[in-house]
C-alpha atoms as a PDB file:
ATOM      1  CA  MET A   1      37.182  39.546 -51.983  1.00  0.00           C
ATOM      2  CA  PRO A   2      39.947  37.492 -49.486  1.00  0.00           C
ATOM      3  CA  TYR A   3      42.479  39.563 -47.990  1.00  0.00           C
ATOM      4  CA  LEU A   4      45.392  36.313 -48.564  1.00  0.00           C
ATOM      5  CA  THR A   5      46.448  34.200 -51.175  1.00  0.00           C
ATOM      6  CA  ARG A   6      47.995  31.183 -49.791  1.00  0.00           C
ATOM      7  CA  GLN A   7      51.523  30.191 -51.891  1.00  0.00           C
ATOM      8  CA  LYS A   8      50.220  33.375 -54.778  1.00  0.00           C
ATOM      9  CA  PHE A   9      54.261  32.420 -55.484  1.00  0.00           C
ATOM     10  CA  PRO A  10      56.645  29.986 -55.503  1.00  0.00           C
ATOM     11  CA  VAL A  11      59.453  29.727 -53.090  1.00  0.00           C
ATOM     12  CA  PRO A  12      61.595  31.108 -53.106  1.00  0.00           C
ATOM     13  CA  VAL A  13      59.864  33.898 -54.291  1.00  0.00           C
ATOM     14  CA  ASP A  14      61.532  35.658 -57.944  1.00  0.00           C
ATOM     15  CA  HIS A  15      61.111  39.527 -57.230  1.00  0.00           C
ATOM     16  CA  ASP A  16      61.198  39.996 -61.254  1.00  0.00           C
ATOM     17  CA  GLN A  17      58.156  37.952 -61.228  1.00  0.00           C
ATOM     18  CA  VAL A  18      55.861  38.981 -58.729  1.00  0.00           C
ATOM     19  CA  ALA A  19      56.433  42.178 -60.124  1.00  0.00           C
ATOM     20  CA  HIS A  20      56.330  41.531 -63.646  1.00  0.00           C
ATOM     21  CA  ASN A  21      52.276  40.303 -62.253  1.00  0.00           C
ATOM     22  CA  TRP A  22      51.566  42.613 -60.291  1.00  0.00           C
ATOM     23  CA  HIS A  23      52.325  45.612 -63.880  1.00  0.00           C
ATOM     24  CA  ARG A  24      50.053  43.745 -65.858  1.00  0.00           C
ATOM     25  CA  ARG A  25      47.496  43.582 -63.022  1.00  0.00           C
ATOM     26  CA  GLY A  26      48.677  47.818 -62.457  1.00  0.00           C
ATOM     27  CA  TYR A  27      50.093  47.263 -59.728  1.00  0.00           C
ATOM     28  CA  SER A  28      53.926  49.093 -58.787  1.00  0.00           C
ATOM     29  CA  CYS A  29      56.140  46.913 -57.140  1.00  0.00           C
ATOM     30  CA  ASP A  30      58.615  47.645 -54.508  1.00  0.00           C
ATOM     31  CA  VAL A  31      60.782  46.119 -51.682  1.00  0.00           C
ATOM     32  CA  PHE A  32      60.912  46.787 -47.562  1.00  0.00           C
ATOM     33  CA  THR A  33      63.266  45.158 -45.322  1.00  0.00           C
ATOM     34  CA  ASP A  34      62.400  45.111 -41.126  1.00  0.00           C
ATOM     35  CA  PRO A  35      63.712  43.496 -38.679  1.00  0.00           C
ATOM     36  CA  PRO A  36      62.387  41.887 -35.995  1.00  0.00           C
ATOM     37  CA  GLY A  37      59.891  43.200 -34.401  1.00  0.00           C
ATOM     38  CA  ARG A  38      59.462  46.329 -36.955  1.00  0.00           C
ATOM     39  CA  GLU A  39      55.852  47.436 -36.710  1.00  0.00           C
ATOM     40  CA  TRP A  40      53.565  49.349 -39.423  1.00  0.00           C
ATOM     41  CA  ASN A  41      50.579  50.868 -37.544  1.00  0.00           C
ATOM     42  CA  ASN A  42      46.980  52.685 -38.710  1.00  0.00           C
ATOM     43  CA  PHE A  43      47.823  53.447 -42.054  1.00  0.00           C
ATOM     44  CA  VAL A  44      44.882  53.793 -44.717  1.00  0.00           C
ATOM     45  CA  HIS A  45      46.061  54.588 -48.286  1.00  0.00           C
ATOM     46  CA  ALA A  46      43.725  55.789 -51.234  1.00  0.00           C
ATOM     47  CA  THR A  47      45.036  53.193 -53.472  1.00  0.00           C
ATOM     48  CA  ASN A  48      44.743  49.374 -53.446  1.00  0.00           C
ATOM     49  CA  GLU A  49      47.430  47.705 -51.746  1.00  0.00           C
ATOM     50  CA  LEU A  50      49.010  44.433 -52.410  1.00  0.00           C
ATOM     51  CA  VAL A  51      51.970  42.404 -50.386  1.00  0.00           C
ATOM     52  CA  THR A  52      53.917  39.378 -50.948  1.00  0.00           C
ATOM     53  CA  VAL A  53      56.403  37.759 -48.637  1.00  0.00           C
ATOM     54  CA  ILE A  54      60.344  36.765 -50.039  1.00  0.00           C
ATOM     55  CA  VAL A  55      61.396  35.753 -46.782  1.00  0.00           C
ATOM     56  CA  GLY A  56      60.485  36.297 -43.048  1.00  0.00           C
ATOM     57  CA  LYS A  57      57.454  36.802 -41.819  1.00  0.00           C
ATOM     58  CA  LEU A  58      54.400  39.039 -41.669  1.00  0.00           C
ATOM     59  CA  GLN A  59      51.236  39.768 -39.130  1.00  0.00           C
ATOM     60  CA  LEU A  60      49.606  42.277 -41.186  1.00  0.00           C
ATOM     61  CA  THR A  61      45.610  43.576 -39.252  1.00  0.00           C
ATOM     62  CA  ILE A  62      42.984  44.815 -41.770  1.00  0.00           C
ATOM     63  CA  VAL A  63      39.880  45.898 -40.165  1.00  0.00           C
ATOM     64  CA  GLU A  64      40.058  43.914 -37.217  1.00  0.00           C
ATOM     65  CA  GLU A  65      41.131  40.628 -39.138  1.00  0.00           C
ATOM     66  CA  GLU A  66      44.830  39.596 -38.451  1.00  0.00           C
ATOM     67  CA  ILE A  67      46.592  37.756 -40.971  1.00  0.00           C
ATOM     68  CA  ILE A  68      50.156  35.784 -41.400  1.00  0.00           C
ATOM     69  CA  ALA A  69      51.549  35.581 -44.548  1.00  0.00           C
ATOM     70  CA  GLU A  70      54.175  33.601 -45.221  1.00  0.00           C
ATOM     71  CA  PRO A  71      56.491  33.615 -48.438  1.00  0.00           C
ATOM     72  CA  GLY A  72      54.434  33.523 -51.843  1.00  0.00           C
ATOM     73  CA  ASP A  73      51.302  34.574 -49.965  1.00  0.00           C
ATOM     74  CA  GLU A  74      49.982  37.976 -51.788  1.00  0.00           C
ATOM     75  CA  VAL A  75      47.484  39.772 -49.374  1.00  0.00           C
ATOM     76  CA  PHE A  76      45.542  42.198 -50.670  1.00  0.00           C
ATOM     77  CA  ILE A  77      44.581  45.146 -48.706  1.00  0.00           C
ATOM     78  CA  PRO A  78      41.779  47.360 -50.393  1.00  0.00           C
ATOM     79  CA  LYS A  79      41.742  50.999 -50.633  1.00  0.00           C
ATOM     80  CA  GLY A  80      40.824  53.203 -47.913  1.00  0.00           C
ATOM     81  CA  VAL A  81      41.144  50.330 -45.187  1.00  0.00           C
ATOM     82  CA  LEU A  82      42.510  50.298 -41.592  1.00  0.00           C
ATOM     83  CA  HIS A  83      45.728  48.030 -42.053  1.00  0.00           C
ATOM     84  CA  SER A  84      48.559  47.341 -40.091  1.00  0.00           C
ATOM     85  CA  VAL A  85      52.220  45.325 -40.733  1.00  0.00           C
ATOM     86  CA  LYS A  86      54.449  44.235 -38.100  1.00  0.00           C
ATOM     87  CA  ASN A  87      57.683  41.102 -39.182  1.00  0.00           C
ATOM     88  CA  VAL A  88      57.014  38.355 -36.559  1.00  0.00           C
ATOM     89  CA  SER A  89      59.832  36.447 -37.752  1.00  0.00           C
ATOM     90  CA  SER A  90      62.753  36.216 -35.721  1.00  0.00           C
ATOM     91  CA  SER A  91      64.987  37.168 -38.613  1.00  0.00           C
ATOM     92  CA  THR A  92      65.066  40.077 -40.995  1.00  0.00           C
ATOM     93  CA  THR A  93      61.620  39.744 -43.674  1.00  0.00           C
ATOM     94  CA  HIS A  94      61.793  40.577 -46.754  1.00  0.00           C
ATOM     95  CA  TRP A  95      58.612  41.667 -49.200  1.00  0.00           C
ATOM     96  CA  LEU A  96      57.368  43.017 -51.991  1.00  0.00           C
ATOM     97  CA  TYR A  97      54.575  46.058 -51.667  1.00  0.00           C
ATOM     98  CA  GLY A  98      52.378  47.793 -54.542  1.00  0.00           C
ATOM     99  CA  TYR A  99      49.895  49.959 -55.069  1.00  0.00           C
ATOM    100  CA  ASP A 100      47.362  50.224 -58.060  1.00  0.00           C
END
């Protein structure tokens, strides 16, 4: 399964639409806000995770693959996989994340 699905959701991203889609698929949906340069490094979760950027740009490293996610893109992070997230936008990035 590929990690990145480009333009999964229309832009501007509607939080409620993403939450509805994810809940149907068994995922939670919460918002995260990161200032420029903010990094979350070397996480491993016991559940699968989905990420969608609302505004801004994220660099995700999943195992050793680097992905740039932009508004509307959906990223799948499998459970048990080492991953990191960094805001590579020059402004605040708002993004959604959820676990199954």
